Amino acid sequence: MKSIIVLLLSFPLLFSCSRKVAVNQQLYNQLNSQLVDLKKVQFYTHGRFFLEREVSEEGMVALNGKVRMRNGKQIERIVFKHHTKGILDKADGDVLYLRFENGENKVLRFKLNTSGYFMLQHDGEENGVRYIKYGDKTYAMDVLEDNRNIFVQIKRSKAKDVNKDKRRVKGLKA
């Protein structure tokens, strides 16, 4: 009976530890101070969202996303699932430009907010709809969860490795 109680109490502790951690200003500064090459770090989105736009007949040839019909109009939709992998394209002050697929200007901007986290930055908002320029097109952004804030994460192990100075001792021979 005691072992069942201990197991039930330890169950939340075992599964509450996330394998990824949000990139905040402190972690970003640590990575930079340790001279970590951020272009070699795997980034992840936290949250699900999609970009969509109305497509003309001429624009259908070069589509990478899925095309749907809505009210007789063709809609291109690009879906970013939770934990979509991305790489750093460039960092510019308090903005990270992350690339999630190949292509000219296919980057998303994550800007440091007042809370100290890198959040997905939109280019404008009209009637409650956020717009993002992706590639050479402008898309409406919609979040697939209650949380409208999409932020950047890295693996927890990478964040912990930043604080470690590793070296190997060869030993001495008599």
N, C-alpha and C. Protein backbone atom coordinates (compact mmCIF):
# COMPACT_ATOMS: atom_id res chain seq x y z
N MET A 1 0.82 -1.19 0.00
CA MET A 1 0.00 0.00 0.00
C MET A 1 0.87 1.26 0.00
N LYS A 2 1.95 1.24 0.82
CA LYS A 2 2.84 2.40 0.87
C LYS A 2 3.49 2.66 -0.48
N SER A 3 3.86 1.59 -1.15
CA SER A 3 4.52 1.76 -2.45
C SER A 3 3.58 2.38 -3.48
N ILE A 4 2.30 2.06 -3.40
CA ILE A 4 1.32 2.64 -4.33
C ILE A 4 1.18 4.13 -4.06
N ILE A 5 1.14 4.51 -2.79
CA ILE A 5 1.03 5.93 -2.44
C ILE A 5 2.27 6.69 -2.89
N VAL A 6 3.43 6.12 -2.66
CA VAL A 6 4.68 6.76 -3.09
C VAL A 6 4.71 6.90 -4.61
N LEU A 7 4.27 5.87 -5.30
CA LEU A 7 4.23 5.90 -6.76
C LEU A 7 3.28 6.99 -7.26
N LEU A 8 2.11 7.07 -6.66
CA LEU A 8 1.13 8.09 -7.06
C LEU A 8 1.63 9.50 -6.77
N LEU A 9 2.34 9.68 -5.67
CA LEU A 9 2.87 11.00 -5.34
C LEU A 9 4.05 11.39 -6.22
N SER A 10 4.84 10.41 -6.63
CA SER A 10 6.01 10.72 -7.46
C SER A 10 5.67 10.81 -8.95
N PHE A 11 4.52 10.30 -9.35
CA PHE A 11 4.12 10.32 -10.76
C PHE A 11 4.13 11.73 -11.36
N PRO A 12 3.50 12.73 -10.70
CA PRO A 12 3.55 14.08 -11.28
C PRO A 12 4.97 14.64 -11.37
N LEU A 13 5.81 14.31 -10.42
CA LEU A 13 7.19 14.80 -10.45
C LEU A 13 7.97 14.24 -11.63
N LEU A 14 7.71 12.98 -11.95
CA LEU A 14 8.43 12.35 -13.05
C LEU A 14 8.07 12.97 -14.39
N PHE A 15 6.81 13.33 -14.57
CA PHE A 15 6.35 13.80 -15.87
C PHE A 15 6.18 15.31 -15.96
N SER A 16 6.44 16.03 -14.86
CA SER A 16 6.31 17.48 -14.91
C SER A 16 7.56 18.15 -15.46
N CYS A 17 8.66 17.46 -15.50
CA CYS A 17 9.90 18.04 -16.00
C CYS A 17 9.89 18.04 -17.52
N SER A 18 9.77 19.20 -18.09
CA SER A 18 9.76 19.32 -19.54
C SER A 18 11.16 19.09 -20.09
N ARG A 19 11.24 18.59 -21.28
CA ARG A 19 12.54 18.36 -21.91
C ARG A 19 13.03 19.60 -22.63
N LYS A 20 12.15 20.61 -22.74
CA LYS A 20 12.52 21.85 -23.42
C LYS A 20 12.30 23.02 -22.47
N VAL A 21 13.07 24.07 -22.68
CA VAL A 21 12.98 25.25 -21.82
C VAL A 21 12.85 26.49 -22.72
N ALA A 22 12.05 27.44 -22.27
CA ALA A 22 11.84 28.67 -23.04
C ALA A 22 13.13 29.48 -23.09
N VAL A 23 13.38 30.08 -24.25
CA VAL A 23 14.56 30.93 -24.40
C VAL A 23 14.17 32.32 -23.89
N ASN A 24 14.79 32.71 -22.78
CA ASN A 24 14.56 34.04 -22.25
C ASN A 24 15.86 34.84 -22.34
N GLN A 25 15.81 36.08 -21.87
CA GLN A 25 16.98 36.94 -22.00
C GLN A 25 18.17 36.39 -21.23
N GLN A 26 17.93 35.85 -20.05
CA GLN A 26 19.02 35.31 -19.23
C GLN A 26 19.70 34.13 -19.94
N LEU A 27 18.92 33.20 -20.46
CA LEU A 27 19.48 32.05 -21.17
C LEU A 27 20.22 32.49 -22.43
N TYR A 28 19.62 33.43 -23.16
CA TYR A 28 20.25 33.95 -24.38
C TYR A 28 21.60 34.60 -24.05
N ASN A 29 21.66 35.37 -22.97
CA ASN A 29 22.92 36.00 -22.56
C ASN A 29 23.95 34.96 -22.14
N GLN A 30 23.49 33.90 -21.46
CA GLN A 30 24.40 32.81 -21.08
C GLN A 30 24.99 32.14 -22.31
N LEU A 31 24.14 31.85 -23.28
CA LEU A 31 24.61 31.21 -24.51
C LEU A 31 25.64 32.09 -25.22
N ASN A 32 25.37 33.38 -25.28
CA ASN A 32 26.31 34.31 -25.93
C ASN A 32 27.60 34.45 -25.15
N SER A 33 27.53 34.50 -23.82
CA SER A 33 28.74 34.66 -23.01
C SER A 33 29.63 33.42 -23.08
N GLN A 34 29.03 32.26 -23.32
CA GLN A 34 29.79 31.02 -23.45
C GLN A 34 30.26 30.80 -24.89
N LEU A 35 29.99 31.79 -25.76
CA LEU A 35 30.37 31.74 -27.18
C LEU A 35 29.80 30.52 -27.89
N VAL A 36 28.58 30.16 -27.53
CA VAL A 36 27.89 29.05 -28.19
C VAL A 36 27.46 29.53 -29.58
N ASP A 37 27.74 28.72 -30.60
CA ASP A 37 27.31 29.04 -31.96
C ASP A 37 25.81 28.75 -32.06
N LEU A 38 25.00 29.80 -32.00
CA LEU A 38 23.55 29.64 -31.98
C LEU A 38 23.01 29.05 -33.28
N LYS A 39 23.78 29.11 -34.35
CA LYS A 39 23.33 28.52 -35.61
C LYS A 39 23.38 26.99 -35.55
N LYS A 40 24.05 26.45 -34.53
CA LYS A 40 24.12 25.00 -34.37
C LYS A 40 23.16 24.50 -33.29
N VAL A 41 22.38 25.40 -32.70
CA VAL A 41 21.42 25.04 -31.67
C VAL A 41 20.06 24.78 -32.33
N GLN A 42 19.40 23.70 -31.92
CA GLN A 42 18.07 23.38 -32.44
C GLN A 42 17.02 24.14 -31.63
N PHE A 43 16.24 24.96 -32.31
CA PHE A 43 15.17 25.71 -31.68
C PHE A 43 13.84 25.02 -31.97
N TYR A 44 12.85 25.29 -31.12
CA TYR A 44 11.51 24.71 -31.26
C TYR A 44 10.46 25.79 -30.99
N THR A 45 9.33 25.68 -31.67
CA THR A 45 8.21 26.57 -31.35
C THR A 45 7.45 25.99 -30.18
N HIS A 46 6.89 26.83 -29.36
CA HIS A 46 5.99 26.38 -28.31
C HIS A 46 4.60 26.91 -28.66
N GLY A 47 3.74 26.01 -29.05
CA GLY A 47 2.39 26.37 -29.48
C GLY A 47 2.19 26.01 -30.94
N ARG A 48 0.92 25.82 -31.29
CA ARG A 48 0.57 25.48 -32.67
C ARG A 48 -0.09 26.69 -33.30
N PHE A 49 0.28 26.97 -34.56
CA PHE A 49 -0.34 28.08 -35.27
C PHE A 49 -0.26 27.81 -36.76
N PHE A 50 -1.02 28.58 -37.52
CA PHE A 50 -0.93 28.44 -38.97
C PHE A 50 -1.00 29.81 -39.62
N LEU A 51 -0.45 29.85 -40.83
CA LEU A 51 -0.48 31.04 -41.67
C LEU A 51 -1.34 30.69 -42.87
N GLU A 52 -2.22 31.60 -43.25
CA GLU A 52 -3.02 31.32 -44.44
C GLU A 52 -3.28 32.60 -45.22
N ARG A 53 -3.50 32.39 -46.53
CA ARG A 53 -3.78 33.51 -47.43
C ARG A 53 -4.64 33.01 -48.57
N GLU A 54 -5.33 33.95 -49.18
CA GLU A 54 -6.14 33.64 -50.36
C GLU A 54 -5.21 33.53 -51.56
N VAL A 55 -5.43 32.53 -52.40
CA VAL A 55 -4.55 32.27 -53.53
C VAL A 55 -5.29 32.54 -54.83
N SER A 56 -4.60 33.25 -55.73
CA SER A 56 -5.17 33.47 -57.06
C SER A 56 -4.84 32.27 -57.94
N GLU A 57 -5.47 32.17 -59.08
CA GLU A 57 -5.22 31.06 -60.01
C GLU A 57 -3.76 31.03 -60.44
N GLU A 58 -3.16 32.21 -60.66
CA GLU A 58 -1.76 32.27 -61.12
C GLU A 58 -0.80 31.84 -60.02
N GLY A 59 -1.16 32.09 -58.77
CA GLY A 59 -0.27 31.79 -57.65
C GLY A 59 -0.26 30.35 -57.22
N MET A 60 -1.05 29.50 -57.85
CA MET A 60 -1.15 28.11 -57.41
C MET A 60 0.04 27.26 -57.83
N VAL A 61 0.84 27.70 -58.77
CA VAL A 61 1.92 26.88 -59.29
C VAL A 61 3.01 26.66 -58.25
N ALA A 62 3.40 27.69 -57.51
CA ALA A 62 4.56 27.62 -56.62
C ALA A 62 4.18 27.51 -55.15
N LEU A 63 3.17 26.72 -54.82
CA LEU A 63 2.74 26.60 -53.44
C LEU A 63 3.50 25.51 -52.71
N ASN A 64 3.87 25.78 -51.44
CA ASN A 64 4.48 24.77 -50.59
C ASN A 64 3.49 24.24 -49.57
N GLY A 65 2.48 25.04 -49.23
CA GLY A 65 1.49 24.63 -48.24
C GLY A 65 0.36 23.85 -48.87
N LYS A 66 -0.71 23.66 -48.10
CA LYS A 66 -1.89 22.95 -48.60
C LYS A 66 -2.91 23.97 -49.09
N VAL A 67 -3.60 23.62 -50.15
CA VAL A 67 -4.63 24.50 -50.70
C VAL A 67 -5.99 23.96 -50.30
N ARG A 68 -6.85 24.84 -49.77
CA ARG A 68 -8.20 24.46 -49.37
C ARG A 68 -9.19 25.37 -50.06
N MET A 69 -10.40 24.91 -50.14
CA MET A 69 -11.48 25.74 -50.68
C MET A 69 -12.33 26.22 -49.52
N ARG A 70 -12.62 27.54 -49.49
CA ARG A 70 -13.50 28.10 -48.48
C ARG A 70 -14.37 29.16 -49.16
N ASN A 71 -15.66 28.95 -49.14
CA ASN A 71 -16.61 29.88 -49.77
C ASN A 71 -16.23 30.14 -51.23
N GLY A 72 -15.81 29.11 -51.93
CA GLY A 72 -15.47 29.24 -53.34
C GLY A 72 -14.11 29.86 -53.59
N LYS A 73 -13.34 30.14 -52.54
CA LYS A 73 -12.01 30.74 -52.70
C LYS A 73 -10.95 29.71 -52.33
N GLN A 74 -9.82 29.79 -53.00
CA GLN A 74 -8.72 28.88 -52.71
C GLN A 74 -7.83 29.52 -51.64
N ILE A 75 -7.54 28.73 -50.59
CA ILE A 75 -6.78 29.22 -49.44
C ILE A 75 -5.53 28.36 -49.28
N GLU A 76 -4.36 29.00 -49.19
CA GLU A 76 -3.12 28.29 -48.87
C GLU A 76 -2.92 28.36 -47.37
N ARG A 77 -2.64 27.22 -46.75
CA ARG A 77 -2.43 27.16 -45.30
C ARG A 77 -1.09 26.48 -45.00
N ILE A 78 -0.28 27.13 -44.18
CA ILE A 78 0.99 26.58 -43.71
C ILE A 78 0.85 26.35 -42.21
N VAL A 79 0.97 25.10 -41.78
CA VAL A 79 0.76 24.74 -40.38
C VAL A 79 2.10 24.55 -39.68
N PHE A 80 2.23 25.17 -38.51
CA PHE A 80 3.39 25.00 -37.64
C PHE A 80 2.89 24.26 -36.41
N LYS A 81 3.29 23.00 -36.29
CA LYS A 81 2.87 22.19 -35.15
C LYS A 81 3.66 22.58 -33.91
N HIS A 82 3.17 22.14 -32.76
CA HIS A 82 3.87 22.33 -31.49
C HIS A 82 5.24 21.65 -31.60
N HIS A 83 6.28 22.33 -31.20
CA HIS A 83 7.67 21.86 -31.25
C HIS A 83 8.18 21.68 -32.68
N THR A 84 7.75 22.54 -33.59
CA THR A 84 8.33 22.55 -34.93
C THR A 84 9.78 22.96 -34.82
N LYS A 85 10.67 22.19 -35.46
CA LYS A 85 12.11 22.46 -35.38
C LYS A 85 12.50 23.61 -36.29
N GLY A 86 13.37 24.46 -35.77
CA GLY A 86 13.88 25.58 -36.55
C GLY A 86 15.34 25.83 -36.25
N ILE A 87 15.99 26.58 -37.12
CA ILE A 87 17.38 26.96 -36.91
C ILE A 87 17.48 28.48 -36.99
N LEU A 88 18.51 29.00 -36.36
CA LEU A 88 18.73 30.44 -36.36
C LEU A 88 19.26 30.87 -37.72
N ASP A 89 18.58 31.81 -38.34
CA ASP A 89 19.05 32.40 -39.59
C ASP A 89 19.97 33.57 -39.27
N LYS A 90 19.51 34.43 -38.34
CA LYS A 90 20.36 35.52 -37.85
C LYS A 90 19.77 36.06 -36.56
N ALA A 91 20.62 36.72 -35.79
CA ALA A 91 20.20 37.40 -34.57
C ALA A 91 20.55 38.87 -34.74
N ASP A 92 19.59 39.73 -34.42
CA ASP A 92 19.79 41.16 -34.59
C ASP A 92 19.28 41.87 -33.35
N GLY A 93 20.18 42.11 -32.40
CA GLY A 93 19.79 42.76 -31.15
C GLY A 93 18.86 41.88 -30.34
N ASP A 94 17.62 42.34 -30.15
CA ASP A 94 16.65 41.59 -29.37
C ASP A 94 15.67 40.80 -30.24
N VAL A 95 16.09 40.50 -31.48
CA VAL A 95 15.24 39.74 -32.41
C VAL A 95 16.01 38.52 -32.93
N LEU A 96 15.36 37.35 -32.87
CA LEU A 96 15.90 36.13 -33.47
C LEU A 96 15.10 35.84 -34.73
N TYR A 97 15.79 35.61 -35.83
CA TYR A 97 15.14 35.23 -37.09
C TYR A 97 15.34 33.73 -37.25
N LEU A 98 14.27 32.96 -37.13
CA LEU A 98 14.35 31.51 -37.20
C LEU A 98 13.77 31.00 -38.51
N ARG A 99 14.45 29.99 -39.05
CA ARG A 99 14.05 29.37 -40.32
C ARG A 99 13.52 27.97 -40.02
N PHE A 100 12.32 27.68 -40.56
CA PHE A 100 11.68 26.39 -40.35
C PHE A 100 11.59 25.58 -41.63
N GLU A 101 11.91 26.20 -42.75
CA GLU A 101 11.96 25.52 -44.04
C GLU A 101 12.85 26.34 -44.96
N ASN A 102 13.32 25.70 -46.04
CA ASN A 102 14.17 26.40 -46.99
C ASN A 102 13.33 27.32 -47.86
N GLY A 103 13.97 28.35 -48.35
CA GLY A 103 13.29 29.29 -49.24
C GLY A 103 13.69 30.72 -48.93
N GLU A 104 13.58 31.55 -49.93
CA GLU A 104 13.94 32.96 -49.80
C GLU A 104 13.03 33.67 -48.79
N ASN A 105 13.64 34.27 -47.78
CA ASN A 105 12.93 35.05 -46.75
C ASN A 105 11.88 34.25 -45.97
N LYS A 106 12.02 32.95 -45.92
CA LYS A 106 11.06 32.14 -45.15
C LYS A 106 11.57 32.00 -43.72
N VAL A 107 11.52 33.13 -43.03
CA VAL A 107 11.94 33.19 -41.63
C VAL A 107 10.83 33.84 -40.81
N LEU A 108 10.78 33.48 -39.54
CA LEU A 108 9.86 34.11 -38.61
C LEU A 108 10.68 34.86 -37.57
N ARG A 109 10.17 36.02 -37.16
CA ARG A 109 10.86 36.85 -36.18
C ARG A 109 10.33 36.57 -34.79
N PHE A 110 11.24 36.38 -33.85
CA PHE A 110 10.89 36.22 -32.45
C PHE A 110 11.59 37.34 -31.70
N LYS A 111 10.79 38.24 -31.12
CA LYS A 111 11.32 39.44 -30.47
C LYS A 111 11.22 39.30 -28.96
N LEU A 112 12.24 39.82 -28.28
CA LEU A 112 12.28 39.81 -26.83
C LEU A 112 11.17 40.72 -26.30
N ASN A 113 10.27 40.17 -25.49
CA ASN A 113 9.17 40.99 -24.97
C ASN A 113 9.52 41.55 -23.60
N THR A 114 8.59 42.28 -23.00
CA THR A 114 8.85 42.92 -21.70
C THR A 114 9.02 41.90 -20.58
N SER A 115 8.52 40.68 -20.75
CA SER A 115 8.69 39.62 -19.75
C SER A 115 10.03 38.92 -19.89
N GLY A 116 10.78 39.23 -20.97
CA GLY A 116 12.10 38.64 -21.15
C GLY A 116 12.12 37.38 -21.99
N TYR A 117 11.04 37.08 -22.73
CA TYR A 117 10.98 35.89 -23.57
C TYR A 117 10.91 36.27 -25.05
N PHE A 118 11.41 35.40 -25.91
CA PHE A 118 11.37 35.64 -27.35
C PHE A 118 10.04 35.12 -27.90
N MET A 119 9.17 36.06 -28.27
CA MET A 119 7.82 35.75 -28.74
C MET A 119 7.72 36.00 -30.24
N LEU A 120 6.85 35.23 -30.90
CA LEU A 120 6.62 35.41 -32.33
C LEU A 120 6.10 36.82 -32.59
N GLN A 121 6.75 37.51 -33.49
CA GLN A 121 6.43 38.90 -33.80
C GLN A 121 5.62 38.97 -35.09
N HIS A 122 4.48 39.61 -35.05
CA HIS A 122 3.68 39.78 -36.26
C HIS A 122 3.99 41.15 -36.87
N ASP A 123 3.65 41.31 -38.14
CA ASP A 123 3.96 42.55 -38.86
C ASP A 123 2.84 43.57 -38.77
N GLY A 124 1.67 43.16 -38.38
CA GLY A 124 0.55 44.08 -38.26
C GLY A 124 -0.68 43.36 -37.79
N GLU A 125 -1.69 44.15 -37.42
CA GLU A 125 -2.94 43.57 -36.94
C GLU A 125 -4.08 44.43 -37.45
N GLU A 126 -5.12 43.77 -37.95
CA GLU A 126 -6.28 44.48 -38.47
C GLU A 126 -7.53 43.69 -38.11
N ASN A 127 -8.46 44.32 -37.43
CA ASN A 127 -9.71 43.69 -37.00
C ASN A 127 -9.46 42.41 -36.20
N GLY A 128 -8.45 42.41 -35.34
CA GLY A 128 -8.13 41.26 -34.51
C GLY A 128 -7.37 40.16 -35.21
N VAL A 129 -7.02 40.35 -36.48
CA VAL A 129 -6.26 39.35 -37.24
C VAL A 129 -4.81 39.82 -37.36
N ARG A 130 -3.90 38.95 -36.96
CA ARG A 130 -2.47 39.27 -37.05
C ARG A 130 -1.95 38.86 -38.42
N TYR A 131 -1.06 39.68 -38.99
CA TYR A 131 -0.48 39.41 -40.30
C TYR A 131 1.03 39.26 -40.18
N ILE A 132 1.56 38.27 -40.95
CA ILE A 132 2.99 38.00 -40.95
C ILE A 132 3.46 37.88 -42.39
N LYS A 133 4.59 38.51 -42.68
CA LYS A 133 5.22 38.36 -44.00
C LYS A 133 6.12 37.12 -43.92
N TYR A 134 5.87 36.16 -44.80
CA TYR A 134 6.61 34.90 -44.81
C TYR A 134 6.95 34.60 -46.26
N GLY A 135 8.23 34.51 -46.56
CA GLY A 135 8.65 34.41 -47.95
C GLY A 135 8.41 35.77 -48.57
N ASP A 136 7.77 35.80 -49.70
CA ASP A 136 7.45 37.08 -50.32
C ASP A 136 5.94 37.35 -50.29
N LYS A 137 5.22 36.65 -49.41
CA LYS A 137 3.77 36.79 -49.31
C LYS A 137 3.39 37.22 -47.89
N THR A 138 2.21 37.80 -47.76
CA THR A 138 1.67 38.17 -46.45
C THR A 138 0.54 37.21 -46.10
N TYR A 139 0.61 36.66 -44.88
CA TYR A 139 -0.34 35.66 -44.41
C TYR A 139 -1.05 36.15 -43.16
N ALA A 140 -2.27 35.70 -42.99
CA ALA A 140 -2.99 35.90 -41.73
C ALA A 140 -2.55 34.78 -40.79
N MET A 141 -2.29 35.12 -39.53
CA MET A 141 -1.84 34.13 -38.56
C MET A 141 -2.99 33.79 -37.62
N ASP A 142 -3.14 32.49 -37.34
CA ASP A 142 -4.13 32.06 -36.37
C ASP A 142 -3.48 31.02 -35.47
N VAL A 143 -3.73 31.14 -34.18
CA VAL A 143 -3.17 30.23 -33.19
C VAL A 143 -4.19 29.13 -32.94
N LEU A 144 -3.72 27.89 -32.90
CA LEU A 144 -4.61 26.73 -32.76
C LEU A 144 -4.87 26.35 -31.31
N GLU A 145 -4.46 27.19 -30.37
CA GLU A 145 -4.67 26.92 -28.96
C GLU A 145 -5.18 28.19 -28.30
N ASP A 146 -5.56 28.10 -27.04
CA ASP A 146 -6.05 29.27 -26.32
C ASP A 146 -4.98 30.34 -26.16
N ASN A 147 -3.74 29.91 -25.98
CA ASN A 147 -2.64 30.84 -25.78
C ASN A 147 -2.25 31.47 -27.11
N ARG A 148 -2.36 32.79 -27.23
CA ARG A 148 -2.04 33.48 -28.47
C ARG A 148 -0.55 33.81 -28.56
N ASN A 149 0.21 33.46 -27.54
CA ASN A 149 1.63 33.78 -27.54
C ASN A 149 2.46 32.56 -27.92
N ILE A 150 3.16 32.66 -29.02
CA ILE A 150 4.04 31.59 -29.49
C ILE A 150 5.46 32.01 -29.14
N PHE A 151 6.21 31.15 -28.45
CA PHE A 151 7.58 31.50 -28.09
C PHE A 151 8.55 30.40 -28.48
N VAL A 152 9.84 30.67 -28.27
CA VAL A 152 10.92 29.78 -28.70
C VAL A 152 11.44 28.98 -27.52
N GLN A 153 11.81 27.72 -27.80
CA GLN A 153 12.39 26.84 -26.79
C GLN A 153 13.64 26.17 -27.35
N ILE A 154 14.47 25.66 -26.43
CA ILE A 154 15.57 24.77 -26.78
C ILE A 154 15.52 23.59 -25.82
N LYS A 155 16.27 22.54 -26.12
CA LYS A 155 16.30 21.38 -25.23
C LYS A 155 16.94 21.78 -23.91
N ARG A 156 16.37 21.25 -22.84
CA ARG A 156 16.86 21.55 -21.49
C ARG A 156 18.32 21.14 -21.33
N SER A 157 18.72 20.03 -21.95
CA SER A 157 20.11 19.57 -21.83
C SER A 157 21.08 20.58 -22.42
N LYS A 158 20.69 21.25 -23.51
CA LYS A 158 21.55 22.27 -24.11
C LYS A 158 21.69 23.46 -23.18
N ALA A 159 20.61 23.82 -22.51
CA ALA A 159 20.65 24.95 -21.58
C ALA A 159 21.53 24.64 -20.39
N LYS A 160 21.49 23.39 -19.91
CA LYS A 160 22.32 23.01 -18.76
C LYS A 160 23.79 22.92 -19.15
N ASP A 161 24.07 22.48 -20.36
CA ASP A 161 25.46 22.33 -20.80
C ASP A 161 26.19 23.67 -20.88
N VAL A 162 25.44 24.75 -20.98
CA VAL A 162 26.06 26.07 -21.10
C VAL A 162 26.88 26.39 -19.87
N ASN A 163 26.40 25.99 -18.70
CA ASN A 163 27.07 26.34 -17.45
C ASN A 163 28.26 25.45 -17.13
N LYS A 164 28.48 24.42 -17.89
CA LYS A 164 29.53 23.46 -17.57
C LYS A 164 30.81 23.77 -18.34
N ASP A 165 31.92 23.74 -17.62
CA ASP A 165 33.23 23.79 -18.26
C ASP A 165 33.72 22.35 -18.29
N LYS A 166 33.83 21.79 -19.48
CA LYS A 166 34.24 20.40 -19.60
C LYS A 166 35.68 20.33 -20.08
N ARG A 167 36.42 19.44 -19.46
CA ARG A 167 37.76 19.13 -19.95
C ARG A 167 38.09 17.72 -19.51
N ARG A 168 38.98 17.12 -20.22
CA ARG A 168 39.36 15.75 -19.93
C ARG A 168 40.80 15.73 -19.43
N VAL A 169 41.00 15.05 -18.33
CA VAL A 169 42.34 14.93 -17.74
C VAL A 169 42.96 13.65 -18.26
N LYS A 170 44.17 13.76 -18.82
CA LYS A 170 44.86 12.58 -19.36
C LYS A 170 45.50 11.76 -18.25
N GLY A 171 45.85 12.40 -17.15
CA GLY A 171 46.50 11.71 -16.04
C GLY A 171 48.01 11.83 -16.15
N LEU A 172 48.69 11.42 -15.11
CA LEU A 172 50.15 11.48 -15.07
C LEU A 172 50.72 10.08 -15.03
N LYS A 173 51.85 9.91 -15.69
CA LYS A 173 52.50 8.62 -15.72
C LYS A 173 53.78 8.71 -14.89
N ALA A 174 54.01 7.71 -14.07
CA ALA A 174 55.20 7.71 -13.21
C ALA A 174 56.41 7.23 -13.97
